[in-house]
Amino acid sequence: MLWTYKTPGIPDHLFEQLPGIYLTPREIRLLILSALRLEENSVLWDIGAGTGTIPIEAGLLCPKGRIVAIERDEDVVNLIRRNCNLFQVKNVAVVEGNAPECLAQLKPLPDRICIEGGKSIKEILNKVWSTLKPQGRVVLTSGNLESLYKISEGLSQVQAIQIEIIQAAVNRLETRGNNQVLSAIDPLFIVSAEKI
């Protein structure tokens, strides 16, 4: 089924998925997209793109923009490509490689960067900051306090401004037996900042 709505928030079940590969839940995705403050012609690098939900939604929101989805695993890269085809998104380029090493050759330079978790999140931030255009925005995600600390440290080192941190805690209605309960999605820190 082709996604035809013009608003963000594609239901999770419409994306093709692979076991063990993270899919950014719809509610969290909406918060990340909001924090990115995308414009019609934004250039976004999504580092650690996973299933490709953020690049696909960004591609649909920014028809004149250029979206680059970076992933290191060949199977996941192919998954992102299949999801792009599923939603007929033409402005997403999928790059296979390890960040930060693979980032040096990427063009065009971004005015938005999304870094979705990872052990080397601080190192990646330090490497990509110089490529981010002035007044550009970066959004980083973390599922734990240790990574959040590294992000805060990294943003301090690059002298980011307008730093915002939220913790998204979302519950979804589920049916369990004869009962309906609210089930928690793993909480996630979403950090956004701007470059002078």
Protein backbone atom coordinates (compact mmCIF):
# COMPACT_ATOMS: atom_id res chain seq x y z
CA MET A 1 0.00 0.00 0.00
CA LEU A 2 1.44 3.37 -1.03
CA TRP A 3 1.51 6.02 1.66
CA THR A 4 -0.55 8.93 0.31
CA TYR A 5 -0.96 11.28 3.29
CA LYS A 6 0.96 14.55 3.32
CA THR A 7 1.45 14.71 7.08
CA PRO A 8 4.29 12.89 8.88
CA GLY A 9 3.68 9.86 11.05
CA ILE A 10 3.63 6.79 8.81
CA PRO A 11 2.35 3.83 10.88
CA ASP A 12 5.21 1.54 11.88
CA HIS A 13 3.67 -1.61 10.42
CA LEU A 14 3.80 -0.17 6.88
CA PHE A 15 7.61 -0.28 6.83
CA GLU A 16 9.41 -3.46 5.88
CA GLN A 17 11.48 -4.56 8.87
CA LEU A 18 14.30 -6.93 9.73
CA PRO A 19 14.60 -8.76 13.07
CA GLY A 20 16.93 -6.90 15.42
CA ILE A 21 17.07 -3.71 13.34
CA TYR A 22 15.74 -0.68 15.18
CA LEU A 23 12.70 1.07 13.82
CA THR A 24 12.14 4.54 15.27
CA PRO A 25 8.56 4.40 16.57
CA ARG A 26 6.11 6.81 14.93
CA GLU A 27 5.62 8.95 18.03
CA ILE A 28 9.38 9.34 18.56
CA ARG A 29 9.90 9.93 14.85
CA LEU A 30 7.49 12.87 14.95
CA LEU A 31 9.48 14.46 17.79
CA ILE A 32 12.77 13.98 15.92
CA LEU A 33 11.33 15.47 12.72
CA SER A 34 9.99 18.41 14.72
CA ALA A 35 13.40 18.98 16.34
CA LEU A 36 15.10 18.94 12.93
CA ARG A 37 12.93 21.89 11.77
CA LEU A 38 13.19 20.78 8.17
CA GLU A 39 12.62 23.14 5.28
CA GLU A 40 11.40 22.32 1.80
CA ASN A 41 14.95 22.15 0.39
CA SER A 42 16.86 20.90 3.46
CA VAL A 43 19.92 18.70 3.08
CA LEU A 44 19.79 16.06 5.84
CA TRP A 45 22.37 13.45 6.74
CA ASP A 46 20.86 10.66 8.86
CA ILE A 47 23.70 8.71 10.46
CA GLY A 48 22.63 5.31 11.73
CA ALA A 49 19.46 5.30 9.67
CA GLY A 50 18.27 1.83 10.75
CA THR A 51 15.07 0.91 8.95
CA GLY A 52 15.04 4.26 7.15
CA THR A 53 11.96 5.76 8.77
CA ILE A 54 13.49 9.21 9.40
CA PRO A 55 15.02 9.60 5.90
CA ILE A 56 11.79 8.46 4.25
CA GLU A 57 9.57 10.82 6.23
CA ALA A 58 12.09 13.66 5.68
CA GLY A 59 12.17 12.90 1.96
CA LEU A 60 8.39 13.15 1.78
CA LEU A 61 8.36 16.39 3.81
CA CYS A 62 11.16 18.01 1.78
CA PRO A 63 10.41 17.27 -1.87
CA LYS A 64 13.12 19.69 -3.05
CA GLY A 65 15.57 18.52 -0.39
CA ARG A 66 18.34 15.96 -0.43
CA ILE A 67 18.39 13.23 2.20
CA VAL A 68 21.38 10.94 2.82
CA ALA A 69 20.81 7.78 4.88
CA ILE A 70 24.03 6.26 6.23
CA GLU A 71 24.20 2.67 7.46
CA ARG A 72 27.09 0.23 7.81
CA ASP A 73 25.40 -3.14 7.21
CA GLU A 74 24.66 -4.23 3.64
CA ASP A 75 21.40 -5.98 4.58
CA VAL A 76 20.16 -2.85 6.38
CA VAL A 77 21.20 -0.64 3.44
CA ASN A 78 19.13 -2.86 1.16
CA LEU A 79 16.22 -2.67 3.62
CA ILE A 80 16.32 1.14 3.50
CA ARG A 81 16.34 1.04 -0.30
CA ARG A 82 13.33 -1.30 -0.33
CA ASN A 83 11.46 1.01 2.06
CA CYS A 84 12.31 4.02 -0.13
CA ASN A 85 10.88 2.17 -3.12
CA LEU A 86 7.80 1.16 -1.11
CA PHE A 87 7.00 4.83 -0.41
CA GLN A 88 8.29 6.04 -3.80
CA VAL A 89 10.78 8.42 -2.20
CA LYS A 90 13.25 9.55 -4.86
CA ASN A 91 15.35 12.11 -2.97
CA VAL A 92 16.98 9.73 -0.48
CA ALA A 93 20.52 8.52 -1.23
CA VAL A 94 21.55 5.45 0.77
CA VAL A 95 25.25 5.18 1.67
CA GLU A 96 26.85 2.02 3.02
CA GLY A 97 29.74 2.71 5.37
CA ASN A 98 31.01 3.17 8.89
CA ALA A 99 30.66 6.61 10.42
CA PRO A 100 32.61 8.76 10.83
CA GLU A 101 35.04 7.36 8.22
CA CYS A 102 32.55 7.31 5.34
CA LEU A 103 31.35 10.87 5.89
CA ALA A 104 34.34 12.74 4.45
CA GLN A 105 33.29 12.20 0.83
CA LEU A 106 29.57 12.95 1.19
CA LYS A 107 28.01 15.75 -0.81
CA PRO A 108 26.11 18.02 -0.66
CA LEU A 109 27.02 19.38 2.77
CA PRO A 110 24.14 19.26 5.26
CA ASP A 111 22.14 21.95 6.97
CA ARG A 112 20.55 19.24 9.15
CA ILE A 113 22.18 16.19 10.74
CA CYS A 114 20.49 13.39 12.67
CA ILE A 115 22.70 10.98 14.62
CA GLU A 116 20.71 8.05 15.90
CA GLY A 117 22.54 6.49 18.85
CA GLY A 118 25.71 4.47 18.67
CA LYS A 119 28.84 3.96 20.75
CA SER A 120 30.88 6.56 18.87
CA ILE A 121 28.21 9.29 18.91
CA LYS A 122 30.58 11.93 20.37
CA GLU A 123 33.30 11.13 17.82
CA ILE A 124 30.79 11.31 14.97
CA LEU A 125 29.46 14.64 16.23
CA ASN A 126 32.99 16.08 16.34
CA LYS A 127 33.70 14.90 12.79
CA VAL A 128 30.47 16.14 11.20
CA TRP A 129 30.22 19.49 12.98
CA SER A 130 32.61 21.17 10.51
CA THR A 131 30.45 19.98 7.59
CA LEU A 132 27.25 21.42 9.08
CA LYS A 133 26.35 24.74 7.50
CA PRO A 134 26.07 27.86 9.72
CA GLN A 135 22.64 28.05 11.40
CA GLY A 136 22.33 24.32 10.76
CA ARG A 137 20.71 21.96 13.26
CA VAL A 138 21.80 18.65 14.70
CA VAL A 139 19.54 16.15 16.44
CA LEU A 140 21.00 13.25 18.41
CA THR A 141 19.22 10.38 20.15
CA SER A 142 20.23 8.28 23.12
CA GLY A 143 18.59 5.52 25.09
CA ASN A 144 20.86 5.81 28.14
CA LEU A 145 22.46 8.36 30.45
CA GLU A 146 26.03 7.40 29.52
CA SER A 147 25.46 8.28 25.89
CA LEU A 148 23.56 11.42 26.87
CA TYR A 149 26.60 12.53 28.86
CA LYS A 150 28.84 11.98 25.79
CA ILE A 151 26.44 14.00 23.65
CA SER A 152 26.42 16.88 26.16
CA GLU A 153 30.21 16.81 26.33
CA GLY A 154 30.47 16.78 22.52
CA LEU A 155 28.05 19.69 22.08
CA SER A 156 30.06 21.69 24.61
CA GLN A 157 33.29 21.00 22.69
CA VAL A 158 31.86 22.20 19.37
CA GLN A 159 30.27 25.25 21.05
CA ALA A 160 26.73 24.45 19.96
CA ILE A 161 23.96 26.88 20.84
CA GLN A 162 20.23 26.58 21.56
CA ILE A 163 20.68 23.13 23.11
CA GLU A 164 17.43 21.37 23.99
CA ILE A 165 17.03 17.98 25.66
CA ILE A 166 13.79 16.09 26.02
CA GLN A 167 13.05 12.58 27.17
CA ALA A 168 10.25 11.03 25.19
CA ALA A 169 8.21 8.47 27.13
CA VAL A 170 5.30 7.14 25.09
CA ASN A 171 2.67 4.52 25.88
CA ARG A 172 0.55 2.66 23.35
CA LEU A 173 -2.74 0.88 23.87
CA GLU A 174 -2.42 -2.90 23.55
CA THR A 175 -4.85 -5.76 23.99
CA ARG A 176 -3.64 -8.50 26.32
CA GLY A 177 -6.13 -11.29 26.62
CA ASN A 178 -9.47 -9.67 27.51
CA ASN A 179 -7.88 -6.45 28.74
CA GLN A 180 -6.61 -3.27 27.16
CA VAL A 181 -3.45 -1.86 28.72
CA LEU A 182 -1.02 0.93 28.03
CA SER A 183 2.39 -0.48 27.11
CA ALA A 184 5.52 1.69 27.28
CA ILE A 185 7.85 2.26 24.34
CA ASP A 186 11.46 2.47 25.54
CA PRO A 187 12.12 6.08 26.60
CA LEU A 188 14.57 8.02 24.44
CA PHE A 189 16.53 11.23 24.93
CA ILE A 190 16.28 13.62 21.97
CA VAL A 191 18.93 16.35 21.95
CA SER A 192 18.91 19.20 19.45
CA ALA A 193 21.30 22.10 18.94
CA GLU A 194 22.31 24.73 16.41
CA LYS A 195 25.58 25.91 14.90
CA ILE A 196 26.51 29.59 15.05
